[in-house]
Amino acid sequence: MIGENVPDQHKQLAAQIASQVDAFFSAGGFTQEIAQGVSAEAPMFGTTTHHEKLRARRTAMAPKVKSLAGKGISARDIGKEIGRDTRTVKLIASENGIDITGG
């Protein structure tokens, strides 16, 4: 063990990758340049299904928020009524064009 040459793992991996690349091109493979920022496989930021589900939940609460806001109830009190925080109530209002007069 001591004094023996230990093969460099990085050089081994680089050689393995180089041989795989050569095999790819010799089998007729080709490269394609894709413009920066363009991808068909990944969603744009903010459009994942998680965000869509949250938005759907907020949209489902919009009629209740609209009816309470129509009575002049504040965003804080609407939040207490529907079990959400004030920030969420204000977000629901802004997404659905609801005017909340109270603070």
Protein backbone atom coordinates (compact mmCIF):
# COMPACT_ATOMS: atom_id res chain seq x y z
CA MET A 1 0.00 0.00 0.00
CA ILE A 2 2.55 2.55 1.02
CA GLY A 3 4.55 3.66 -1.97
CA GLU A 4 2.10 2.23 -4.50
CA ASN A 5 0.71 4.48 -7.16
CA VAL A 6 -2.97 5.20 -6.55
CA PRO A 7 -4.91 5.89 -9.74
CA ASP A 8 -6.32 9.40 -9.93
CA GLN A 9 -10.11 9.07 -9.76
CA HIS A 10 -10.65 12.35 -11.58
CA LYS A 11 -8.53 11.25 -14.54
CA GLN A 12 -10.38 7.92 -14.65
CA LEU A 13 -13.77 9.63 -14.68
CA ALA A 14 -12.65 12.15 -17.30
CA ALA A 15 -11.45 9.31 -19.54
CA GLN A 16 -14.73 7.43 -19.03
CA ILE A 17 -16.79 10.51 -19.93
CA ALA A 18 -14.61 11.19 -22.98
CA SER A 19 -15.15 7.63 -24.23
CA GLN A 20 -18.93 7.96 -23.71
CA VAL A 21 -18.96 11.25 -25.66
CA ASP A 22 -16.98 9.62 -28.49
CA ALA A 23 -19.43 6.70 -28.54
CA PHE A 24 -22.38 9.13 -28.68
CA PHE A 25 -21.01 11.02 -31.67
CA SER A 26 -19.86 7.87 -33.48
CA ALA A 27 -23.42 6.49 -33.14
CA GLY A 28 -24.77 9.52 -35.02
CA GLY A 29 -25.58 11.75 -32.05
CA PHE A 30 -25.42 15.51 -32.46
CA THR A 31 -25.50 18.60 -30.27
CA GLN A 32 -28.07 21.35 -30.36
CA GLU A 33 -27.62 24.88 -29.05
CA ILE A 34 -30.54 26.18 -27.01
CA ALA A 35 -30.82 29.89 -26.32
CA GLN A 36 -30.16 31.01 -22.78
CA GLY A 37 -33.29 31.03 -20.62
CA VAL A 38 -35.29 28.79 -22.95
CA SER A 39 -36.46 25.41 -21.72
CA ALA A 40 -39.51 23.29 -22.41
CA GLU A 41 -39.01 21.00 -19.46
CA ALA A 42 -38.99 23.31 -16.45
CA PRO A 43 -41.86 25.60 -15.43
CA MET A 44 -41.29 29.32 -15.14
CA PHE A 45 -40.73 30.62 -11.65
CA GLY A 46 -44.01 30.99 -9.78
CA THR A 47 -46.02 28.67 -11.98
CA THR A 48 -45.50 25.37 -10.23
CA THR A 49 -48.51 23.29 -9.28
CA HIS A 50 -48.00 24.23 -5.63
CA HIS A 51 -48.60 27.90 -6.42
CA GLU A 52 -51.54 27.01 -8.63
CA LYS A 53 -53.14 25.03 -5.79
CA LEU A 54 -52.66 27.91 -3.36
CA ARG A 55 -54.18 30.33 -5.85
CA ALA A 56 -57.17 28.01 -6.35
CA ARG A 57 -57.72 27.88 -2.58
CA ARG A 58 -57.61 31.66 -2.37
CA THR A 59 -60.02 31.98 -5.31
CA ALA A 60 -62.44 29.64 -3.54
CA MET A 61 -62.42 31.99 -0.52
CA ALA A 62 -63.02 35.10 -2.64
CA PRO A 63 -66.85 35.07 -2.49
CA LYS A 64 -66.79 34.98 1.32
CA VAL A 65 -64.19 37.77 1.43
CA LYS A 66 -66.24 39.83 -1.03
CA SER A 67 -69.42 39.44 0.98
CA LEU A 68 -67.70 40.40 4.25
CA ALA A 69 -65.88 43.32 2.63
CA GLY A 70 -69.22 44.54 1.26
CA LYS A 71 -70.43 44.84 4.84
CA GLY A 72 -67.49 47.17 5.62
CA ILE A 73 -65.58 44.67 7.74
CA SER A 74 -61.81 45.21 8.03
CA ALA A 75 -59.25 42.83 6.51
CA ARG A 76 -58.16 41.81 10.00
CA ASP A 77 -61.69 40.86 11.03
CA ILE A 78 -62.31 39.09 7.71
CA GLY A 79 -59.17 37.08 8.38
CA LYS A 80 -60.46 36.07 11.79
CA GLU A 81 -63.80 35.09 10.24
CA ILE A 82 -62.34 32.86 7.51
CA GLY A 83 -59.35 31.59 9.51
CA ARG A 84 -56.61 33.31 7.49
CA ASP A 85 -54.13 36.06 8.26
CA THR A 86 -54.60 39.66 7.17
CA ARG A 87 -51.93 39.40 4.47
CA THR A 88 -53.76 36.47 2.81
CA VAL A 89 -57.05 38.36 2.94
CA LYS A 90 -55.43 41.36 1.24
CA LEU A 91 -53.90 39.05 -1.38
CA ILE A 92 -57.30 37.47 -2.07
CA ALA A 93 -58.79 40.95 -2.41
CA SER A 94 -56.10 42.17 -4.81
CA GLU A 95 -56.27 39.01 -6.97
CA ASN A 96 -60.05 39.23 -7.27
CA GLY A 97 -60.62 42.99 -7.50
CA ILE A 98 -62.25 43.24 -4.09
CA ASP A 99 -62.15 46.60 -2.29
CA ILE A 100 -61.61 46.33 1.45
CA THR A 101 -62.21 49.69 3.11
CA GLY A 102 -61.25 48.66 6.64
CA GLY A 103 -57.58 48.26 7.70
